PDB file of N, CA and C in Angstrom:
ATOM      1  N   MET A   1     -17.196  35.661  16.015  1.00  0.00           N
ATOM      2  CA  MET A   1     -16.303  34.905  15.378  1.00  0.00           C
ATOM      3  C   MET A   1     -15.108  34.931  15.963  1.00  0.00           C
ATOM      4  N   ASN A   2     -14.604  36.061  16.040  1.00  0.00           N
ATOM      5  CA  ASN A   2     -13.209  36.565  16.425  1.00  0.00           C
ATOM      6  C   ASN A   2     -13.085  36.084  17.696  1.00  0.00           C
ATOM      7  N   ILE A   3     -13.806  35.750  18.728  1.00  0.00           N
ATOM      8  CA  ILE A   3     -13.726  35.477  20.282  1.00  0.00           C
ATOM      9  C   ILE A   3     -13.817  34.093  20.243  1.00  0.00           C
ATOM     10  N   ASP A   4     -14.284  33.581  19.425  1.00  0.00           N
ATOM     11  CA  ASP A   4     -14.177  31.858  19.568  1.00  0.00           C
ATOM     12  C   ASP A   4     -12.380  31.633  18.995  1.00  0.00           C
ATOM     13  N   LYS A   5     -12.298  32.453  18.339  1.00  0.00           N
ATOM     14  CA  LYS A   5     -10.973  31.871  17.693  1.00  0.00           C
ATOM     15  C   LYS A   5      -9.791  32.130  18.911  1.00  0.00           C
ATOM     16  N   VAL A   6     -10.026  33.430  19.594  1.00  0.00           N
ATOM     17  CA  VAL A   6      -9.302  33.375  20.642  1.00  0.00           C
ATOM     18  C   VAL A   6      -9.462  32.770  21.820  1.00  0.00           C
ATOM     19  N   LYS A   7     -10.305  32.244  22.145  1.00  0.00           N
ATOM     20  CA  LYS A   7     -10.515  31.343  23.319  1.00  0.00           C
ATOM     21  C   LYS A   7     -10.266  29.775  22.611  1.00  0.00           C
ATOM     22  N   ILE A   8     -10.252  29.606  21.421  1.00  0.00           N
ATOM     23  CA  ILE A   8      -9.619  28.368  20.951  1.00  0.00           C
ATOM     24  C   ILE A   8      -7.940  28.470  20.891  1.00  0.00           C
ATOM     25  N   GLN A   9      -7.491  29.730  20.475  1.00  0.00           N
ATOM     26  CA  GLN A   9      -6.118  29.723  20.620  1.00  0.00           C
ATOM     27  C   GLN A   9      -5.892  29.807  22.170  1.00  0.00           C
ATOM     28  N   GLU A  10      -6.495  30.312  23.268  1.00  0.00           N
ATOM     29  CA  GLU A  10      -5.801  30.446  24.704  1.00  0.00           C
ATOM     30  C   GLU A  10      -6.224  29.215  25.277  1.00  0.00           C
ATOM     31  N   ALA A  11      -7.125  28.155  24.805  1.00  0.00           N
ATOM     32  CA  ALA A  11      -6.906  26.687  24.843  1.00  0.00           C
ATOM     33  C   ALA A  11      -5.981  25.963  24.561  1.00  0.00           C
ATOM     34  N   ILE A  12      -5.410  26.018  23.297  1.00  0.00           N
ATOM     35  CA  ILE A  12      -4.398  25.114  22.624  1.00  0.00           C
ATOM     36  C   ILE A  12      -3.287  25.964  23.374  1.00  0.00           C
ATOM     37  N   ASN A  13      -2.779  27.017  23.871  1.00  0.00           N
ATOM     38  CA  ASN A  13      -1.880  27.367  24.450  1.00  0.00           C
ATOM     39  C   ASN A  13      -1.758  26.730  25.869  1.00  0.00           C
ATOM     40  N   SER A  14      -2.771  26.579  26.639  1.00  0.00           N
ATOM     41  CA  SER A  14      -3.030  26.287  27.877  1.00  0.00           C
ATOM     42  C   SER A  14      -2.810  24.711  27.878  1.00  0.00           C
ATOM     43  N   PHE A  15      -3.379  24.008  26.945  1.00  0.00           N
ATOM     44  CA  PHE A  15      -3.282  22.465  26.752  1.00  0.00           C
ATOM     45  C   PHE A  15      -1.382  22.227  26.637  1.00  0.00           C
ATOM     46  N   LEU A  16      -0.917  22.949  25.562  1.00  0.00           N
ATOM     47  CA  LEU A  16       0.631  23.253  25.368  1.00  0.00           C
ATOM     48  C   LEU A  16       1.335  23.302  26.771  1.00  0.00           C
ATOM     49  N   ASP A  17       0.986  24.430  27.306  1.00  0.00           N
ATOM     50  CA  ASP A  17       1.682  24.750  28.472  1.00  0.00           C
ATOM     51  C   ASP A  17       1.543  23.654  29.884  1.00  0.00           C
ATOM     52  N   GLU A  18       0.409  23.104  29.675  1.00  0.00           N
ATOM     53  CA  GLU A  18       0.021  22.126  30.789  1.00  0.00           C
ATOM     54  C   GLU A  18       0.541  20.845  30.591  1.00  0.00           C
ATOM     55  N   LYS A  19       0.206  20.274  29.594  1.00  0.00           N
ATOM     56  CA  LYS A  19       0.720  18.829  29.168  1.00  0.00           C
ATOM     57  C   LYS A  19       1.941  18.481  28.458  1.00  0.00           C
ATOM     58  N   VAL A  20       2.454  19.283  27.520  1.00  0.00           N
ATOM     59  CA  VAL A  20       3.199  18.743  26.252  1.00  0.00           C
ATOM     60  C   VAL A  20       4.656  19.471  26.965  1.00  0.00           C
ATOM     61  N   ALA A  21       4.337  20.948  27.394  1.00  0.00           N
ATOM     62  CA  ALA A  21       5.891  21.509  27.944  1.00  0.00           C
ATOM     63  C   ALA A  21       6.411  20.430  28.866  1.00  0.00           C
ATOM     64  N   TYR A  22       5.897  19.930  29.614  1.00  0.00           N
ATOM     65  CA  TYR A  22       6.302  19.441  30.716  1.00  0.00           C
ATOM     66  C   TYR A  22       7.146  17.464  30.153  1.00  0.00           C
ATOM     67  N   LEU A  23       6.888  17.323  28.823  1.00  0.00           N
ATOM     68  CA  LEU A  23       7.288  16.499  28.396  1.00  0.00           C
ATOM     69  C   LEU A  23       9.121  16.168  28.051  1.00  0.00           C
ATOM     70  N   LYS A  24       9.381  15.228  28.223  1.00  0.00           N
ATOM     71  CA  LYS A  24      11.035  15.215  27.903  1.00  0.00           C
ATOM     72  C   LYS A  24      11.120  15.085  26.319  1.00  0.00           C
ATOM     73  N   PRO A  25      12.122  15.248  25.909  1.00  0.00           N
ATOM     74  CA  PRO A  25      12.307  15.954  24.541  1.00  0.00           C
ATOM     75  C   PRO A  25      12.034  14.341  23.417  1.00  0.00           C
ATOM     76  N   LEU A  26      12.900  13.219  24.217  1.00  0.00           N
ATOM     77  CA  LEU A  26      12.482  11.904  23.743  1.00  0.00           C
ATOM     78  C   LEU A  26      11.024  11.692  23.441  1.00  0.00           C
ATOM     79  N   HIS A  27      10.243  12.154  24.496  1.00  0.00           N
ATOM     80  CA  HIS A  27       8.562  11.427  24.391  1.00  0.00           C
ATOM     81  C   HIS A  27       8.129  12.265  23.134  1.00  0.00           C
ATOM     82  N   LYS A  28       8.770  13.718  23.071  1.00  0.00           N
ATOM     83  CA  LYS A  28       8.236  14.432  22.058  1.00  0.00           C
ATOM     84  C   LYS A  28       8.341  14.258  20.519  1.00  0.00           C
ATOM     85  N   ALA A  29       9.570  13.636  20.790  1.00  0.00           N
ATOM     86  CA  ALA A  29      10.201  13.210  19.390  1.00  0.00           C
ATOM     87  C   ALA A  29       9.196  11.594  19.143  1.00  0.00           C
ATOM     88  N   MET A  30       8.736  10.894  20.136  1.00  0.00           N
ATOM     89  CA  MET A  30       8.272   9.762  19.593  1.00  0.00           C
ATOM     90  C   MET A  30       6.588  10.251  19.268  1.00  0.00           C
ATOM     91  N   ILE A  31       6.133  10.901  19.674  1.00  0.00           N
ATOM     92  CA  ILE A  31       4.821  11.630  19.261  1.00  0.00           C
ATOM     93  C   ILE A  31       4.986  12.314  18.142  1.00  0.00           C
ATOM     94  N   CYS A  32       5.857  12.760  17.879  1.00  0.00           N
ATOM     95  CA  CYS A  32       6.000  13.506  16.279  1.00  0.00           C
ATOM     96  C   CYS A  32       6.212  12.033  15.011  1.00  0.00           C
ATOM     97  N   ILE A  33       7.214  11.517  16.004  1.00  0.00           N
ATOM     98  CA  ILE A  33       7.328  10.162  15.018  1.00  0.00           C
ATOM     99  C   ILE A  33       6.030   9.304  14.404  1.00  0.00           C
ATOM    100  N   CYS A  34       5.475   8.972  15.761  1.00  0.00           N
ATOM    101  CA  CYS A  34       4.180   8.252  15.623  1.00  0.00           C
ATOM    102  C   CYS A  34       2.966   8.722  14.613  1.00  0.00           C
ATOM    103  N   ALA A  35       3.172  10.116  14.950  1.00  0.00           N
ATOM    104  CA  ALA A  35       2.178  10.971  14.103  1.00  0.00           C
ATOM    105  C   ALA A  35       2.305  11.120  12.902  1.00  0.00           C
ATOM    106  N   ILE A  36       3.477  10.509  12.190  1.00  0.00           N
ATOM    107  CA  ILE A  36       3.842  10.542  10.964  1.00  0.00           C
ATOM    108  C   ILE A  36       3.829   9.410  10.262  1.00  0.00           C
ATOM    109  N   LEU A  37       4.258   8.369  11.290  1.00  0.00           N
ATOM    110  CA  LEU A  37       4.361   6.769  10.653  1.00  0.00           C
ATOM    111  C   LEU A  37       2.997   6.403  10.386  1.00  0.00           C
ATOM    112  N   LEU A  38       2.176   6.405  11.343  1.00  0.00           N
ATOM    113  CA  LEU A  38       0.948   5.859  11.933  1.00  0.00           C
ATOM    114  C   LEU A  38       0.067   6.087  10.233  1.00  0.00           C
ATOM    115  N   PRO A  39      -0.121   7.195   9.711  1.00  0.00           N
ATOM    116  CA  PRO A  39      -1.282   7.311   8.743  1.00  0.00           C
ATOM    117  C   PRO A  39      -0.220   6.320   7.186  1.00  0.00           C
ATOM    118  N   CYS A  40       1.391   6.615   7.339  1.00  0.00           N
ATOM    119  CA  CYS A  40       1.919   6.040   6.153  1.00  0.00           C
ATOM    120  C   CYS A  40       1.936   4.358   6.373  1.00  0.00           C
ATOM    121  N   VAL A  41       1.737   4.042   7.504  1.00  0.00           N
ATOM    122  CA  VAL A  41       1.482   2.362   7.331  1.00  0.00           C
ATOM    123  C   VAL A  41       0.260   2.099   7.520  1.00  0.00           C
ATOM    124  N   ALA A  42      -0.592   2.878   7.416  1.00  0.00           N
ATOM    125  CA  ALA A  42      -2.236   2.770   7.544  1.00  0.00           C
ATOM    126  C   ALA A  42      -2.134   2.553   5.967  1.00  0.00           C
ATOM    127  N   PHE A  43      -1.802   3.569   5.231  1.00  0.00           N
ATOM    128  CA  PHE A  43      -1.893   3.764   3.826  1.00  0.00           C
ATOM    129  C   PHE A  43      -1.369   2.856   3.267  1.00  0.00           C
ATOM    130  N   TYR A  44      -0.078   1.980   3.540  1.00  0.00           N
ATOM    131  CA  TYR A  44       0.487   0.729   2.696  1.00  0.00           C
ATOM    132  C   TYR A  44      -0.369  -0.089   2.798  1.00  0.00           C
ATOM    133  N   PHE A  45      -0.941  -0.792   4.206  1.00  0.00           N
ATOM    134  CA  PHE A  45      -1.613  -1.791   4.245  1.00  0.00           C
ATOM    135  C   PHE A  45      -3.218  -1.674   4.109  1.00  0.00           C
ATOM    136  N   LEU A  46      -3.639  -0.637   3.725  1.00  0.00           N
ATOM    137  CA  LEU A  46      -4.843  -0.527   3.575  1.00  0.00           C
ATOM    138  C   LEU A  46      -5.267   0.066   2.256  1.00  0.00           C
ATOM    139  N   SER A  47      -4.746   0.558   1.412  1.00  0.00           N
ATOM    140  CA  SER A  47      -4.700   0.997   0.328  1.00  0.00           C
ATOM    141  C   SER A  47      -3.741   0.620  -0.680  1.00  0.00           C
ATOM    142  N   TYR A  48      -2.209   0.588  -0.588  1.00  0.00           N
ATOM    143  CA  TYR A  48      -1.219   0.399  -1.549  1.00  0.00           C
ATOM    144  C   TYR A  48      -0.705  -0.841  -1.819  1.00  0.00           C
ATOM    145  N   SER A  49      -0.749  -1.958  -0.354  1.00  0.00           N
ATOM    146  CA  SER A  49      -0.354  -3.475  -0.871  1.00  0.00           C
ATOM    147  C   SER A  49      -1.689  -4.271  -1.454  1.00  0.00           C
ATOM    148  N   PRO A  50      -2.829  -4.331  -1.257  1.00  0.00           N
ATOM    149  CA  PRO A  50      -4.031  -4.476  -1.835  1.00  0.00           C
ATOM    150  C   PRO A  50      -4.056  -4.239  -3.342  1.00  0.00           C
ATOM    151  N   LYS A  51      -4.040  -3.030  -3.605  1.00  0.00           N
ATOM    152  CA  LYS A  51      -3.957  -2.577  -4.935  1.00  0.00           C
ATOM    153  C   LYS A  51      -2.414  -3.342  -5.930  1.00  0.00           C
ATOM    154  N   THR A  52      -1.803  -3.147  -5.274  1.00  0.00           N
ATOM    155  CA  THR A  52      -0.410  -3.962  -6.084  1.00  0.00           C
ATOM    156  C   THR A  52      -0.511  -5.211  -6.402  1.00  0.00           C
ATOM    157  N   VAL A  53      -1.264  -5.988  -5.170  1.00  0.00           N
ATOM    158  CA  VAL A  53      -1.809  -7.370  -5.616  1.00  0.00           C
ATOM    159  C   VAL A  53      -2.939  -7.390  -6.874  1.00  0.00           C
ATOM    160  N   GLU A  54      -3.593  -6.335  -6.761  1.00  0.00           N
ATOM    161  CA  GLU A  54      -4.780  -6.416  -7.846  1.00  0.00           C
ATOM    162  C   GLU A  54      -4.088  -6.291  -8.786  1.00  0.00           C
ATOM    163  N   ILE A  55      -3.162  -5.415  -9.151  1.00  0.00           N
ATOM    164  CA  ILE A  55      -2.215  -4.617 -10.170  1.00  0.00           C
ATOM    165  C   ILE A  55      -1.343  -6.190 -10.776  1.00  0.00           C
ATOM    166  N   ASN A  56      -1.247  -6.945 -10.081  1.00  0.00           N
ATOM    167  CA  ASN A  56      -0.433  -7.804 -10.331  1.00  0.00           C
ATOM    168  C   ASN A  56      -1.087  -9.186 -10.803  1.00  0.00           C
ATOM    169  N   LYS A  57      -1.995  -9.169 -10.227  1.00  0.00           N
ATOM    170  CA  LYS A  57      -2.934 -10.491 -10.949  1.00  0.00           C
ATOM    171  C   LYS A  57      -3.718  -9.727 -12.450  1.00  0.00           C
ATOM    172  N   LEU A  58      -4.014  -8.579 -12.671  1.00  0.00           N
ATOM    173  CA  LEU A  58      -4.370  -8.256 -13.474  1.00  0.00           C
ATOM    174  C   LEU A  58      -3.481  -8.202 -14.979  1.00  0.00           C
ATOM    175  N   GLN A  59      -2.034  -8.032 -14.306  1.00  0.00           N
ATOM    176  CA  GLN A  59      -0.734  -8.326 -15.283  1.00  0.00           C
ATOM    177  C   GLN A  59      -0.946  -9.381 -16.068  1.00  0.00           C
ATOM    178  N   SER A  60      -0.731 -10.326 -14.903  1.00  0.00           N
ATOM    179  CA  SER A  60      -0.638 -11.908 -15.215  1.00  0.00           C
ATOM    180  C   SER A  60      -1.977 -12.081 -16.184  1.00  0.00           C
ATOM    181  N   GLN A  61      -3.317 -11.673 -15.875  1.00  0.00           N
ATOM    182  CA  GLN A  61      -4.177 -12.193 -16.972  1.00  0.00           C
ATOM    183  C   GLN A  61      -4.187 -11.297 -18.193  1.00  0.00           C
ATOM    184  N   GLN A  62      -2.846 -10.555 -18.416  1.00  0.00           N
ATOM    185  CA  GLN A  62      -3.304  -9.937 -19.250  1.00  0.00           C
ATOM    186  C   GLN A  62      -1.575 -10.106 -20.513  1.00  0.00           C
ATOM    187  N   LYS A  63      -1.156 -10.927 -19.731  1.00  0.00           N
ATOM    188  CA  LYS A  63      -0.315 -11.601 -20.137  1.00  0.00           C
ATOM    189  C   LYS A  63      -0.534 -12.964 -20.914  1.00  0.00           C
ATOM    190  N   GLN A  64      -1.493 -13.805 -19.946  1.00  0.00           N
ATOM    191  CA  GLN A  64      -1.913 -14.898 -20.672  1.00  0.00           C
ATOM    192  C   GLN A  64      -2.828 -14.700 -21.831  1.00  0.00           C
ATOM    193  N   LEU A  65      -3.865 -13.213 -21.788  1.00  0.00           N
ATOM    194  CA  LEU A  65      -4.456 -13.032 -22.932  1.00  0.00           C
ATOM    195  C   LEU A  65      -3.698 -12.990 -24.445  1.00  0.00           C
ATOM    196  N   GLU A  66      -2.646 -11.934 -24.064  1.00  0.00           N
ATOM    197  CA  GLU A  66      -1.457 -11.582 -24.922  1.00  0.00           C
ATOM    198  C   GLU A  66      -1.037 -13.052 -25.793  1.00  0.00           C
ATOM    199  N   ASP A  67      -0.838 -14.083 -24.830  1.00  0.00           N
ATOM    200  CA  ASP A  67      -0.308 -15.172 -25.412  1.00  0.00           C
ATOM    201  C   ASP A  67      -1.129 -16.115 -26.349  1.00  0.00           C
ATOM    202  N   GLU A  68      -2.588 -15.804 -25.562  1.00  0.00           N
ATOM    203  CA  GLU A  68      -3.618 -16.867 -26.484  1.00  0.00           C
ATOM    204  C   GLU A  68      -3.928 -16.196 -27.605  1.00  0.00           C
ATOM    205  N   ILE A  69      -3.822 -14.682 -27.653  1.00  0.00           N
ATOM    206  CA  ILE A  69      -4.095 -14.038 -28.949  1.00  0.00           C
ATOM    207  C   ILE A  69      -2.843 -14.010 -29.842  1.00  0.00           C
ATOM    208  N   THR A  70      -1.852 -13.961 -29.439  1.00  0.00           N
ATOM    209  CA  THR A  70      -0.813 -14.416 -30.586  1.00  0.00           C
ATOM    210  C   THR A  70      -0.509 -15.953 -30.999  1.00  0.00           C
ATOM    211  N   LYS A  71      -0.987 -16.673 -30.141  1.00  0.00           N
ATOM    212  CA  LYS A  71      -1.097 -18.192 -30.359  1.00  0.00           C
ATOM    213  C   LYS A  71      -2.223 -18.308 -31.497  1.00  0.00           C
ATOM    214  N   LEU A  72      -3.487 -17.776 -31.379  1.00  0.00           N
ATOM    215  CA  LEU A  72      -4.710 -17.734 -32.695  1.00  0.00           C
ATOM    216  C   LEU A  72      -4.210 -17.200 -33.849  1.00  0.00           C
ATOM    217  N   GLU A  73      -3.139 -15.823 -33.900  1.00  0.00           N
ATOM    218  CA  GLU A  73      -2.932 -15.616 -34.677  1.00  0.00           C
ATOM    219  C   GLU A  73      -2.369 -16.215 -35.252  1.00  0.00           C
ATOM    220  N   ARG A  74      -1.331 -16.913 -35.006  1.00  0.00           N
ATOM    221  CA  ARG A  74      -0.460 -17.750 -35.467  1.00  0.00           C
ATOM    222  C   ARG A  74      -1.284 -19.105 -36.115  1.00  0.00           C
ATOM    223  N   HIS A  75      -2.227 -19.452 -35.589  1.00  0.00           N
ATOM    224  CA  HIS A  75      -2.879 -20.361 -36.128  1.00  0.00           C
ATOM    225  C   HIS A  75      -3.605 -20.077 -37.366  1.00  0.00           C
ATOM    226  N   LEU A  76      -4.054 -18.666 -37.130  1.00  0.00           N
ATOM    227  CA  LEU A  76      -5.097 -18.230 -38.465  1.00  0.00           C
ATOM    228  C   LEU A  76      -4.082 -17.966 -39.833  1.00  0.00           C
ATOM    229  N   ALA A  77      -2.686 -17.630 -39.365  1.00  0.00           N
ATOM    230  CA  ALA A  77      -1.737 -17.046 -40.669  1.00  0.00           C
ATOM    231  C   ALA A  77      -1.332 -18.474 -41.304  1.00  0.00           C
ATOM    232  N   ARG A  78      -1.534 -19.797 -40.567  1.00  0.00           N
ATOM    233  CA  ARG A  78      -1.328 -21.102 -41.442  1.00  0.00           C
ATOM    234  C   ARG A  78      -2.204 -21.016 -42.450  1.00  0.00           C
TER     235      ARG A  78
END
């Protein structure tokens, strides 16, 4: 198992030395920014936004039902 870790570390170091080290700082920064923003944007559009729409719809239904309950309670109080 130790040998696998050493080989993996060597492969990572080799990749970094051969591919990443030669990138311009601007390109490195853009890769980091994309790596951070992409999951955030995906979360917003795939999870947060649809749930927000659903929550707003349910709150609207709740308000309508509460208004109906209030109306019926007033009718029963007469």
